[in-house]
Amino acid sequence: MSNPVVRLAGLARSFEQGGVTIEVLRGVDLEVAPGEIVALLGPSGSGKSTMLQAVGLLEGGFSGTIEIAGQDASSLGSAERTTLRRDHLGFVYQFHHLLPDFTALENVVLPQLLLDVKRADAEERARQLLEALGLSHRLSHRPSKLSGGEQQRVAVARALANKPQLVLADEPTGNLDEKTSERVLGEFLELVRGQGSAALVATHNERLAARMDRVVRLHEGRIE
């Protein structure tokens, strides 16, 4: 049996606010298998975003174990965590966070150049992803010239550009209307499955969650 692409054991996170300790995560245990798409379902404030930040190695202050691709992230220094994140993870957020001065194609090319992919190969990969997402006619457009759904498609292509082992998506369609949300999520799932990546997708939408391989419910900082 393959080792999990991510393993969490006893993951906890708390904050001090006004002299009061607020426990956001309370001992989360979770494994995601290679190629598995898991919905992290829960209402606003349940700790979904905090959990994805932990798995994405985006901030410290967590206790417990976080293993990514078999490496214990808690034992790594800042530079090693950055390398692990770059080499194994892809990110899609509710807001696209595209670079405004670069075209759709360039936004998908840039993360590949960080892995020393030849520019011609990076452009070909970016073009293939964007065309698969229905954006063949928008390659040279900057984000300000794209609709919300188109911007989020570019963000999906960017997250998948380096064929990460694990894609982390935080309400990836939460800023879109229902029809566009359904379509973008379908395209996202098809591409993730097609390249064999795993994904952990935070959402509050039961219908969208049902389209994934497994649903994990997070309630008051705990997996139910």
Protein backbone atom coordinates (compact mmCIF):
# COMPACT_ATOMS: atom_id res chain seq x y z
CA MET A 1 0.00 0.00 0.00
CA SER A 2 1.36 3.45 -0.92
CA ASN A 3 2.41 5.82 1.82
CA PRO A 4 0.06 8.79 2.29
CA VAL A 5 1.02 12.00 0.53
CA VAL A 6 0.06 13.86 3.70
CA ARG A 7 -0.33 12.62 7.25
CA LEU A 8 -1.51 14.70 10.19
CA ALA A 9 -1.33 13.40 13.74
CA GLY A 10 -2.53 15.38 16.76
CA LEU A 11 -2.45 18.65 14.81
CA ALA A 12 -3.41 21.53 17.10
CA ARG A 13 -3.41 25.31 16.86
CA SER A 14 -4.54 27.92 19.36
CA PHE A 15 -4.46 31.71 19.58
CA GLU A 16 -4.42 34.16 22.46
CA GLN A 17 -7.01 36.90 22.08
CA GLY A 18 -7.81 39.37 24.83
CA GLY A 19 -6.34 37.09 27.45
CA VAL A 20 -8.45 34.17 26.25
CA THR A 21 -7.10 31.04 24.53
CA ILE A 22 -9.01 30.15 21.37
CA GLU A 23 -8.48 26.58 20.18
CA VAL A 24 -8.87 26.47 16.40
CA LEU A 25 -7.59 22.93 15.78
CA ARG A 26 -7.87 20.33 18.53
CA GLY A 27 -5.86 17.24 17.68
CA VAL A 28 -6.63 16.56 14.01
CA ASP A 29 -5.65 13.18 12.56
CA LEU A 30 -5.88 12.72 8.79
CA GLU A 31 -4.22 10.85 5.94
CA VAL A 32 -4.63 11.54 2.22
CA ALA A 33 -3.56 8.79 -0.17
CA PRO A 34 -1.73 9.46 -3.44
CA GLY A 35 -4.26 10.45 -6.10
CA GLU A 36 -7.12 10.80 -3.60
CA ILE A 37 -9.36 13.89 -3.66
CA VAL A 38 -10.69 14.70 -0.19
CA ALA A 39 -13.31 17.34 0.62
CA LEU A 40 -12.72 19.14 3.92
CA LEU A 41 -16.27 20.14 4.76
CA GLY A 42 -17.29 22.57 7.46
CA PRO A 43 -18.95 25.93 8.14
CA SER A 44 -17.08 29.21 8.31
CA GLY A 45 -14.95 29.32 11.45
CA SER A 46 -14.58 25.55 11.76
CA GLY A 47 -10.81 25.70 11.17
CA LYS A 48 -10.64 24.66 7.50
CA SER A 49 -8.38 27.50 6.35
CA THR A 50 -6.13 27.13 9.39
CA MET A 51 -5.76 23.43 8.66
CA LEU A 52 -4.83 24.08 5.03
CA GLN A 53 -2.29 26.68 6.13
CA ALA A 54 -0.75 24.02 8.35
CA VAL A 55 -0.62 21.41 5.60
CA GLY A 56 0.73 24.03 3.18
CA LEU A 57 3.55 24.89 5.62
CA LEU A 58 2.53 28.53 5.32
CA GLU A 59 2.89 29.48 8.97
CA GLY A 60 4.15 28.13 12.27
CA GLY A 61 2.65 27.83 15.73
CA PHE A 62 1.21 24.35 15.25
CA SER A 63 1.76 21.33 17.47
CA GLY A 64 1.51 17.74 16.35
CA THR A 65 2.89 16.00 13.27
CA ILE A 66 2.70 17.16 9.66
CA GLU A 67 4.23 14.79 7.13
CA ILE A 68 4.35 15.74 3.45
CA ALA A 69 5.57 13.14 0.93
CA GLY A 70 7.07 11.15 3.79
CA GLN A 71 9.00 14.07 5.28
CA ASP A 72 8.29 15.31 8.79
CA ALA A 73 7.90 19.05 8.25
CA SER A 74 8.28 19.82 11.96
CA SER A 75 11.94 18.77 11.77
CA LEU A 76 12.72 21.04 8.80
CA GLY A 77 14.16 24.53 8.76
CA SER A 78 12.54 27.43 6.91
CA ALA A 79 14.52 26.91 3.68
CA GLU A 80 13.78 23.17 3.67
CA ARG A 81 10.06 23.80 4.22
CA THR A 82 10.07 26.24 1.31
CA THR A 83 11.68 23.60 -0.91
CA LEU A 84 9.19 20.95 0.21
CA ARG A 85 6.31 23.31 -0.52
CA ARG A 86 7.73 24.23 -3.94
CA ASP A 87 8.44 20.65 -5.00
CA HIS A 88 5.31 18.88 -3.77
CA LEU A 89 2.41 21.29 -3.25
CA GLY A 90 0.09 23.39 -5.37
CA PHE A 91 -2.35 26.00 -4.07
CA VAL A 92 -5.73 27.36 -5.19
CA TYR A 93 -7.38 30.06 -3.10
CA GLN A 94 -10.87 31.57 -3.06
CA PHE A 95 -9.34 34.72 -4.56
CA HIS A 96 -7.10 34.01 -7.50
CA HIS A 97 -4.01 36.07 -6.45
CA LEU A 98 -2.73 36.25 -10.02
CA LEU A 99 0.17 38.55 -10.85
CA PRO A 100 -1.58 41.54 -12.45
CA ASP A 101 1.25 42.60 -14.76
CA PHE A 102 1.59 39.19 -16.40
CA THR A 103 -0.62 37.44 -18.95
CA ALA A 104 -2.59 34.30 -18.24
CA LEU A 105 0.11 32.25 -19.96
CA GLU A 106 2.92 33.95 -18.04
CA ASN A 107 1.16 33.39 -14.69
CA VAL A 108 1.24 29.64 -15.39
CA VAL A 109 4.78 29.66 -16.78
CA LEU A 110 6.42 31.39 -13.81
CA PRO A 111 6.08 28.63 -11.16
CA GLN A 112 7.62 26.18 -13.62
CA LEU A 113 10.67 28.41 -14.11
CA LEU A 114 11.26 28.21 -10.36
CA LEU A 115 11.86 24.48 -10.89
CA ASP A 116 14.29 25.22 -13.73
CA VAL A 117 11.92 23.99 -16.44
CA LYS A 118 13.03 25.26 -19.85
CA ARG A 119 10.91 28.22 -20.89
CA ALA A 120 9.70 26.59 -24.11
CA ASP A 121 8.58 23.50 -22.18
CA ALA A 122 6.96 25.67 -19.50
CA GLU A 123 5.02 27.61 -22.12
CA GLU A 124 3.84 24.41 -23.78
CA ARG A 125 2.68 22.99 -20.43
CA ALA A 126 0.92 26.27 -19.59
CA ARG A 127 -0.76 26.37 -22.98
CA GLN A 128 -2.01 22.79 -22.64
CA LEU A 129 -3.49 23.46 -19.19
CA LEU A 130 -5.16 26.70 -20.17
CA GLU A 131 -6.58 25.17 -23.34
CA ALA A 132 -7.96 22.27 -21.29
CA LEU A 133 -9.70 24.89 -19.14
CA GLY A 134 -11.23 26.58 -22.15
CA LEU A 135 -8.89 29.57 -22.23
CA SER A 136 -7.12 29.09 -25.56
CA HIS A 137 -8.40 32.50 -26.68
CA ARG A 138 -7.27 34.26 -23.48
CA LEU A 139 -3.60 33.30 -23.23
CA SER A 140 -2.28 36.83 -23.82
CA HIS A 141 -4.81 38.60 -21.59
CA ARG A 142 -3.84 40.06 -18.22
CA PRO A 143 -6.05 39.27 -15.19
CA SER A 144 -7.86 42.62 -15.35
CA LYS A 145 -9.21 41.62 -18.77
CA LEU A 146 -10.53 38.25 -17.57
CA SER A 147 -13.83 37.40 -15.89
CA GLY A 148 -13.88 35.99 -12.36
CA GLY A 149 -14.34 32.46 -13.66
CA GLU A 150 -11.52 32.88 -16.15
CA GLN A 151 -9.19 34.23 -13.48
CA GLN A 152 -9.91 31.25 -11.27
CA ARG A 153 -9.24 28.88 -14.18
CA VAL A 154 -5.82 30.49 -14.59
CA ALA A 155 -5.25 30.00 -10.85
CA VAL A 156 -6.12 26.31 -11.23
CA ALA A 157 -3.70 25.95 -14.14
CA ARG A 158 -0.98 27.67 -12.11
CA ALA A 159 -1.53 25.31 -9.16
CA LEU A 160 -1.25 22.25 -11.41
CA ALA A 161 1.63 23.50 -13.59
CA ASN A 162 4.35 21.58 -11.75
CA LYS A 163 2.25 18.41 -11.34
CA PRO A 164 2.31 18.58 -7.53
CA GLN A 165 1.72 15.48 -5.46
CA LEU A 166 -0.86 17.39 -3.43
CA VAL A 167 -3.10 20.32 -4.37
CA LEU A 168 -4.56 22.40 -1.53
CA ALA A 169 -7.69 24.33 -2.46
CA ASP A 170 -9.37 26.73 -0.02
CA GLU A 171 -12.96 27.41 -1.16
CA PRO A 172 -11.66 27.47 -4.76
CA THR A 173 -15.04 28.40 -6.23
CA GLY A 174 -16.44 30.33 -3.27
CA ASN A 175 -16.15 33.66 -5.07
CA LEU A 176 -18.05 32.51 -8.18
CA ASP A 177 -21.72 32.23 -9.07
CA GLU A 178 -23.31 28.79 -8.82
CA LYS A 179 -23.17 27.88 -12.50
CA THR A 180 -19.55 29.00 -12.94
CA SER A 181 -18.62 27.34 -9.65
CA GLU A 182 -19.95 23.97 -10.81
CA ARG A 183 -18.11 24.22 -14.12
CA VAL A 184 -14.76 25.35 -12.69
CA LEU A 185 -14.83 22.66 -10.00
CA GLY A 186 -15.57 20.01 -12.61
CA GLU A 187 -12.64 21.14 -14.72
CA PHE A 188 -10.41 21.24 -11.64
CA LEU A 189 -11.34 17.70 -10.59
CA GLU A 190 -10.87 16.35 -14.11
CA LEU A 191 -7.37 17.83 -14.39
CA VAL A 192 -6.31 16.73 -10.90
CA ARG A 193 -7.49 13.17 -11.56
CA GLY A 194 -5.95 13.20 -15.01
CA GLN A 195 -2.46 13.92 -13.73
CA GLY A 196 -2.75 11.68 -10.66
CA SER A 197 -2.37 14.37 -8.01
CA ALA A 198 -4.04 14.19 -4.62
CA ALA A 199 -6.13 17.11 -3.41
CA LEU A 200 -7.50 18.46 -0.14
CA VAL A 201 -10.34 20.85 -0.90
CA ALA A 202 -11.92 23.03 1.80
CA THR A 203 -15.55 23.87 1.17
CA HIS A 204 -18.82 24.55 2.97
CA ASN A 205 -20.84 23.31 -0.03
CA GLU A 206 -22.29 19.81 0.49
CA ARG A 207 -23.11 19.36 -3.21
CA LEU A 208 -19.58 20.19 -4.35
CA ALA A 209 -18.07 18.01 -1.63
CA ALA A 210 -20.12 15.03 -2.85
CA ARG A 211 -18.25 15.10 -6.17
CA MET A 212 -14.97 14.17 -4.48
CA ASP A 213 -13.61 10.77 -3.45
CA ARG A 214 -14.11 11.23 0.28
CA VAL A 215 -15.68 13.80 2.58
CA VAL A 216 -14.07 14.69 5.92
CA ARG A 217 -16.07 16.91 8.26
CA LEU A 218 -14.34 19.46 10.47
CA HIS A 219 -16.37 20.74 13.41
CA GLU A 220 -15.02 23.01 16.14
CA GLY A 221 -11.46 22.06 15.29
CA ARG A 222 -11.97 18.31 15.22
CA ILE A 223 -12.51 15.72 12.52
CA GLU A 224 -15.88 14.06 12.98
